[in-house]
């Protein structure tokens, strides 16, 4: 009986400790979201004090304006940075690697033919040299692919989560005498604190997000089509791969796109459970991405400046020299 009492007391202590930690974490989260949510409402107060028509919803305009400011002030510079790096990788690193490869095939081929080394060793050496050259060119032109892919997402994901939590807290927080977001309607939303009963805006969010994924493929910098170079039929595919046709990178991008397509469909159901302020934020952010990628597609249709061709010092480019046949005495 005494042991049972001790065990019950210890379990109660552990339970109380978990409850205390959970309550402390909630208080910390609320302490972070409270000023952000108050700032959203105060921005709506400022807009409502402007001489605008009565039909203009001030708090909806505040949500839209804050969303556009976040996207243009934080995510747009990262998108331009990523696009510039991808452009340099396509139009600077690609041609430089191609020119180096054609020259290296001749030099390494002659060396291996002189030393009578097998063709398999030649292929391994060319592959090793090409990997090292790609890393060197990426470092020179500051366009390594992994930071180009990861950093924009690493900036956008925390911003998206924090903004979503802030808009949700602004819609559900207690505000004296009444929360103004709960008394303002917008389109099919009865109020910015309630869910969309029609489901029109959540469906629009999912469709726009799905369209953004498809536009993302088209908005990448256009690949330059290299001029055909006469080579021997013995050249192997591993030697003829362009920088932008690496299968590993293509598989990663394809996997990310397929995952995002599923997320866009899932967001329809999530948006149907979210308050109107969050739905309006997601709709504005997705629409901004749609317009941004249309602009990138329009810019991508313009032909880039052709690089200045330099005279080749190697003369005619041939396939690597094979092992010469032994002379018959």
Protein backbone atom coordinates (compact mmCIF):
# COMPACT_ATOMS: atom_id res chain seq x y z
CA UNK A 1 0.00 0.00 0.00
CA UNK A 2 2.82 2.35 0.89
CA UNK A 3 4.68 1.53 -2.37
CA UNK A 4 1.52 2.14 -4.39
CA UNK A 5 1.11 5.53 -2.76
CA UNK A 6 4.71 6.46 -3.62
CA UNK A 7 4.28 5.38 -7.26
CA UNK A 8 1.05 7.37 -7.53
CA UNK A 9 2.78 10.44 -6.10
CA UNK A 10 5.68 10.11 -8.54
CA UNK A 11 3.37 9.69 -11.54
CA UNK A 12 1.45 12.77 -10.43
CA UNK A 13 4.71 14.73 -10.23
CA UNK A 14 5.74 13.64 -13.74
CA UNK A 15 2.28 14.51 -15.08
CA UNK A 16 2.37 17.92 -13.45
CA UNK A 17 5.87 18.51 -14.85
CA UNK A 18 4.70 17.71 -18.38
CA UNK A 19 1.69 19.98 -18.00
CA UNK A 20 3.94 22.75 -16.71
CA UNK A 21 6.37 22.38 -19.63
CA UNK A 22 3.49 22.38 -22.13
CA UNK A 23 1.96 25.48 -20.55
CA UNK A 24 5.35 27.21 -20.53
CA UNK A 25 5.84 26.43 -24.23
CA UNK A 26 2.38 27.75 -25.03
CA UNK A 27 3.09 30.97 -23.13
CA UNK A 28 6.33 31.43 -25.06
CA UNK A 29 4.55 30.92 -28.38
CA UNK A 30 1.81 33.36 -27.39
CA UNK A 31 4.39 35.90 -26.24
CA UNK A 32 5.93 35.79 -29.73
CA UNK A 33 2.63 35.87 -31.64
CA UNK A 34 0.94 38.52 -29.49
CA UNK A 35 2.88 41.56 -30.81
CA UNK A 36 2.72 40.24 -34.39
CA UNK A 37 -1.05 39.76 -34.20
CA UNK A 38 -1.49 43.16 -32.57
CA UNK A 39 0.57 44.69 -35.37
CA UNK A 40 -1.78 43.19 -37.96
CA UNK A 41 -4.81 44.70 -36.22
CA UNK A 42 -3.07 48.05 -35.76
CA UNK A 43 -2.27 48.13 -39.48
CA UNK A 44 -5.97 47.64 -40.15
CA UNK A 45 -6.73 50.53 -37.77
CA UNK A 46 -4.36 52.77 -39.75
CA UNK A 47 -5.97 51.83 -43.06
CA UNK A 48 -9.46 52.38 -41.63
CA UNK A 49 -8.46 55.92 -40.64
CA UNK A 50 -7.54 56.80 -44.23
CA UNK A 51 -10.09 58.58 -46.45
CA UNK A 52 -11.09 55.46 -48.36
CA UNK A 53 -14.51 54.42 -49.70
CA UNK A 54 -16.72 52.60 -47.24
CA UNK A 55 -16.71 49.53 -49.50
CA UNK A 56 -12.97 48.98 -48.93
CA UNK A 57 -12.42 46.41 -46.12
CA UNK A 58 -9.50 47.85 -44.11
CA UNK A 59 -8.43 44.70 -42.27
CA UNK A 60 -8.56 42.57 -45.39
CA UNK A 61 -6.43 45.21 -47.11
CA UNK A 62 -4.04 45.06 -44.16
CA UNK A 63 -3.64 41.30 -44.57
CA UNK A 64 -3.10 41.64 -48.32
CA UNK A 65 -0.65 44.52 -47.89
CA UNK A 66 1.39 42.75 -45.20
CA UNK A 67 1.53 39.61 -47.33
CA UNK A 68 2.77 41.51 -50.39
CA UNK A 69 5.32 43.39 -48.28
CA UNK A 70 6.70 40.13 -46.88
CA UNK A 71 6.88 38.49 -50.30
CA UNK A 72 8.47 41.45 -52.09
CA UNK A 73 10.78 42.33 -49.22
CA UNK A 74 12.04 38.84 -48.31
CA UNK A 75 11.17 36.10 -50.79
CA UNK A 76 11.54 38.11 -54.01
CA UNK A 77 15.24 38.94 -53.39
CA UNK A 78 15.86 35.25 -52.67
CA UNK A 79 14.05 34.24 -55.86
CA UNK A 80 16.11 36.70 -57.91
CA UNK A 81 19.29 35.48 -56.20
CA UNK A 82 18.45 31.85 -56.97
CA UNK A 83 17.52 32.65 -60.56
CA UNK A 84 20.76 34.57 -61.13
CA UNK A 85 22.79 31.62 -59.84
CA UNK A 86 20.87 29.21 -62.07
CA UNK A 87 21.43 31.52 -65.04
CA UNK A 88 25.19 31.60 -64.39
CA UNK A 89 25.23 27.82 -64.09
CA UNK A 90 23.46 27.46 -67.43
CA UNK A 91 25.22 30.11 -69.49
CA UNK A 92 28.67 30.45 -67.89
CA UNK A 93 29.55 27.15 -66.27
CA UNK A 94 27.95 25.03 -69.00
CA UNK A 95 29.87 26.46 -71.99
CA UNK A 96 33.11 26.63 -69.97
CA UNK A 97 32.77 22.97 -68.99
CA UNK A 98 32.04 21.96 -72.58
CA UNK A 99 35.12 23.78 -73.88
CA UNK A 100 37.30 22.26 -71.16
CA UNK A 101 35.96 18.77 -71.83
CA UNK A 102 36.72 18.90 -75.54
CA UNK A 103 40.28 20.03 -74.83
CA UNK A 104 40.78 17.52 -72.01
CA UNK A 105 39.60 14.62 -74.17
CA UNK A 106 42.46 15.26 -76.57
CA UNK A 107 45.15 15.83 -73.95
CA UNK A 108 44.16 12.96 -71.65
CA UNK A 109 43.57 10.69 -74.64
CA UNK A 110 47.06 11.32 -75.96
CA UNK A 111 48.58 10.66 -72.55
CA UNK A 112 46.71 7.38 -72.12
CA UNK A 113 47.54 6.29 -75.66
CA UNK A 114 51.21 7.04 -75.06
CA UNK A 115 51.22 5.01 -71.85
CA UNK A 116 49.12 2.25 -73.50
CA UNK A 117 46.52 2.33 -70.72
CA UNK A 118 43.11 0.70 -71.26
CA UNK A 119 40.08 2.71 -72.34
CA UNK A 120 38.22 1.93 -69.09
CA UNK A 121 40.88 3.74 -67.08
CA UNK A 122 40.59 6.66 -69.46
CA UNK A 123 36.85 6.90 -68.80
CA UNK A 124 37.36 6.80 -65.03
CA UNK A 125 40.01 9.51 -65.22
CA UNK A 126 37.83 11.75 -67.38
CA UNK A 127 34.92 11.31 -64.99
CA UNK A 128 37.07 12.22 -61.99
CA UNK A 129 38.51 15.26 -63.75
CA UNK A 130 35.06 16.40 -64.87
CA UNK A 131 33.63 16.24 -61.34
CA UNK A 132 36.56 18.27 -60.05
CA UNK A 133 36.17 20.80 -62.88
CA UNK A 134 32.45 21.21 -62.20
CA UNK A 135 33.16 21.97 -58.54
CA UNK A 136 35.87 24.43 -59.55
CA UNK A 137 33.63 26.27 -62.04
CA UNK A 138 30.72 26.36 -59.58
CA UNK A 139 33.02 27.90 -56.99
CA UNK A 140 34.42 30.46 -59.43
CA UNK A 141 30.99 31.59 -60.64
CA UNK A 142 29.30 31.16 -57.20
CA UNK A 143 26.52 28.91 -58.45
CA UNK A 144 26.68 25.64 -56.53
CA UNK A 145 23.33 23.87 -57.04
CA UNK A 146 22.59 22.78 -53.46
CA UNK A 147 22.57 26.28 -51.88
CA UNK A 148 20.62 27.52 -54.90
CA UNK A 149 17.87 25.00 -54.18
CA UNK A 150 17.88 24.94 -50.36
CA UNK A 151 18.33 28.56 -49.24
CA UNK A 152 15.12 30.01 -50.80
CA UNK A 153 13.09 27.22 -49.20
CA UNK A 154 14.92 27.66 -45.88
CA UNK A 155 13.91 31.34 -45.89
CA UNK A 156 10.35 30.94 -47.18
CA UNK A 157 9.23 28.00 -45.01
CA UNK A 158 9.78 29.64 -41.56
CA UNK A 159 8.30 32.89 -42.87
CA UNK A 160 5.20 31.05 -44.12
CA UNK A 161 4.73 29.20 -40.83
CA UNK A 162 5.22 32.31 -38.67
CA UNK A 163 2.92 34.45 -40.82
CA UNK A 164 0.22 31.75 -40.81
CA UNK A 165 0.37 31.49 -37.01
CA UNK A 166 0.29 35.28 -36.65
CA UNK A 167 -2.75 35.77 -38.89
CA UNK A 168 -4.56 32.92 -37.14
CA UNK A 169 -3.80 34.39 -33.72
CA UNK A 170 -4.94 37.83 -34.89
CA UNK A 171 -8.30 36.39 -35.94
CA UNK A 172 -8.90 34.39 -32.77
CA UNK A 173 -7.39 36.64 -30.10
CA UNK A 174 -9.58 38.55 -27.64
CA UNK A 175 -9.60 42.25 -28.41
CA UNK A 176 -11.53 44.93 -26.51
CA UNK A 177 -14.29 45.76 -27.17
CA UNK A 178 -14.47 43.27 -30.06
CA UNK A 179 -12.00 41.74 -32.49
CA UNK A 180 -12.40 43.78 -35.71
CA UNK A 181 -11.42 40.79 -37.85
CA UNK A 182 -14.48 38.95 -36.55
CA UNK A 183 -16.79 41.69 -37.81
CA UNK A 184 -15.38 42.15 -41.34
CA UNK A 185 -16.39 39.99 -44.30
CA UNK A 186 -14.49 39.47 -47.55
CA UNK A 187 -15.75 37.77 -50.71
CA UNK A 188 -17.18 34.39 -49.61
CA UNK A 189 -15.84 34.73 -46.05
CA UNK A 190 -18.58 35.71 -43.56
CA UNK A 191 -15.79 37.11 -41.36
CA UNK A 192 -12.02 36.97 -41.17
CA UNK A 193 -12.33 34.86 -38.01
CA UNK A 194 -14.56 32.16 -39.54
CA UNK A 195 -14.00 29.43 -42.09
CA UNK A 196 -15.25 29.73 -45.65
CA UNK A 197 -18.59 27.85 -45.68
CA UNK A 198 -18.67 27.68 -49.49
CA UNK A 199 -15.15 26.29 -49.94
CA UNK A 200 -14.56 28.54 -52.96
CA UNK A 201 -11.44 30.27 -51.66
CA UNK A 202 -9.82 27.06 -50.33
CA UNK A 203 -10.33 25.40 -53.72
CA UNK A 204 -8.89 28.49 -55.42
CA UNK A 205 -5.83 28.26 -53.16
CA UNK A 206 -5.22 24.62 -54.09
CA UNK A 207 -5.63 25.25 -57.82
CA UNK A 208 -3.32 28.28 -57.80
CA UNK A 209 -0.68 26.40 -55.81
CA UNK A 210 -0.88 23.49 -58.26
CA UNK A 211 -0.52 25.92 -61.17
CA UNK A 212 2.49 27.50 -59.49
CA UNK A 213 4.28 24.15 -59.47
CA UNK A 214 3.73 23.73 -63.19
CA UNK A 215 4.79 27.31 -63.85
CA UNK A 216 7.92 26.71 -61.78
CA UNK A 217 9.19 24.28 -64.42
CA UNK A 218 8.60 26.82 -67.18
CA UNK A 219 10.07 29.76 -65.26
CA UNK A 220 13.52 28.23 -64.94
CA UNK A 221 16.21 29.80 -67.11
CA UNK A 222 16.09 28.45 -70.62
CA UNK A 223 18.76 25.97 -71.50
CA UNK A 224 21.04 26.85 -74.34
CA UNK A 225 21.24 24.33 -77.12
CA UNK A 226 24.89 23.71 -77.83
CA UNK A 227 26.07 23.48 -81.39
CA UNK A 228 26.88 19.94 -82.47
CA UNK A 229 30.56 19.09 -82.40
CA UNK A 230 31.87 16.34 -84.68
CA UNK A 231 33.11 13.48 -82.52
CA UNK A 232 33.98 9.88 -83.00
CA UNK A 233 31.27 7.29 -82.46
CA UNK A 234 33.34 5.75 -79.68
CA UNK A 235 32.54 8.70 -77.37
CA UNK A 236 30.58 7.54 -74.37
CA UNK A 237 27.43 9.14 -72.90
CA UNK A 238 29.18 9.93 -69.62
CA UNK A 239 31.57 12.19 -71.49
CA UNK A 240 28.82 13.95 -73.46
CA UNK A 241 26.57 14.93 -70.55
CA UNK A 242 25.99 18.63 -70.31
CA UNK A 243 26.06 20.27 -66.91
CA UNK A 244 22.31 20.83 -66.84
CA UNK A 245 21.45 17.22 -67.68
CA UNK A 246 22.71 15.53 -64.56
CA UNK A 247 20.22 12.74 -63.80
CA UNK A 248 20.68 12.98 -60.05
CA UNK A 249 19.72 16.66 -59.93
CA UNK A 250 16.77 16.07 -62.29
CA UNK A 251 15.50 13.27 -60.06
CA UNK A 252 15.69 15.49 -56.97
CA UNK A 253 13.78 18.31 -58.67
CA UNK A 254 11.17 15.90 -60.05
CA UNK A 255 10.65 14.36 -56.60
CA UNK A 256 10.20 17.78 -55.00
CA UNK A 257 7.68 18.81 -57.64
CA UNK A 258 5.64 15.62 -57.16
CA UNK A 259 5.62 16.17 -53.40
CA UNK A 260 4.49 19.77 -53.80
CA UNK A 261 1.67 18.69 -56.11
CA UNK A 262 0.34 16.48 -53.34
CA UNK A 263 0.72 19.30 -50.80
CA UNK A 264 -1.28 21.67 -53.02
CA UNK A 265 -4.20 19.23 -53.06
CA UNK A 266 -3.91 18.72 -49.29
CA UNK A 267 -4.02 22.48 -48.76
CA UNK A 268 -7.62 22.57 -50.04
CA UNK A 269 -8.75 20.50 -47.06
CA UNK A 270 -6.49 22.43 -44.64
CA UNK A 271 -7.79 25.79 -45.88
CA UNK A 272 -11.37 24.64 -45.31
CA UNK A 273 -10.56 24.36 -41.59
CA UNK A 274 -8.63 27.65 -41.32
CA UNK A 275 -10.04 31.06 -40.31
CA UNK A 276 -10.63 33.64 -43.00
CA UNK A 277 -7.53 35.69 -42.20
CA UNK A 278 -5.29 32.67 -42.89
CA UNK A 279 -7.22 31.79 -46.04
CA UNK A 280 -6.81 35.34 -47.32
CA UNK A 281 -3.08 35.25 -46.56
CA UNK A 282 -2.62 31.95 -48.40
CA UNK A 283 -4.69 33.16 -51.36
CA UNK A 284 -2.69 36.39 -51.63
CA UNK A 285 0.65 34.61 -51.30
CA UNK A 286 -0.25 31.97 -53.90
CA UNK A 287 -1.52 34.64 -56.31
CA UNK A 288 1.69 36.61 -55.86
CA UNK A 289 3.75 33.51 -56.68
CA UNK A 290 1.59 32.92 -59.77
CA UNK A 291 2.22 36.46 -61.08
CA UNK A 292 5.92 36.30 -60.17
CA UNK A 293 6.46 33.12 -62.13
CA UNK A 294 4.57 34.46 -65.12
CA UNK A 295 7.01 37.37 -65.12
CA UNK A 296 9.95 34.98 -64.91
CA UNK A 297 8.58 33.00 -67.85
CA UNK A 298 8.27 36.20 -69.87
CA UNK A 299 11.86 37.12 -69.00
CA UNK A 300 13.04 33.62 -69.87
CA UNK A 301 11.68 33.94 -73.40
CA UNK A 302 14.23 36.64 -74.13
CA UNK A 303 17.35 35.20 -75.68
CA UNK A 304 20.43 35.61 -73.48
CA UNK A 305 23.50 37.33 -74.83
CA UNK A 306 25.71 34.93 -76.72
CA UNK A 307 29.09 34.44 -75.04
CA UNK A 308 32.08 35.83 -76.91
CA UNK A 309 33.69 32.97 -78.77
CA UNK A 310 37.41 32.59 -78.29
CA UNK A 311 39.68 31.02 -80.91
CA UNK A 312 40.41 27.41 -80.13
CA UNK A 313 44.00 26.53 -79.49
CA UNK A 314 43.57 22.83 -79.97
CA UNK A 315 42.59 22.85 -83.64
CA UNK A 316 40.23 20.10 -84.67
CA UNK A 317 38.60 18.27 -81.78
CA UNK A 318 38.67 14.51 -82.01
CA UNK A 319 37.73 11.64 -79.80
CA UNK A 320 40.36 10.39 -77.37
CA UNK A 321 43.13 8.42 -78.96
CA UNK A 322 42.69 4.69 -78.56
CA UNK A 323 45.52 2.29 -77.81
CA UNK A 324 47.54 1.97 -81.05
CA UNK A 325 47.80 -1.43 -82.68
CA UNK A 326 51.09 -3.23 -82.40
CA UNK A 327 53.25 -3.08 -85.50
CA UNK A 328 53.85 -6.38 -87.22
CA UNK A 329 57.53 -6.98 -87.71
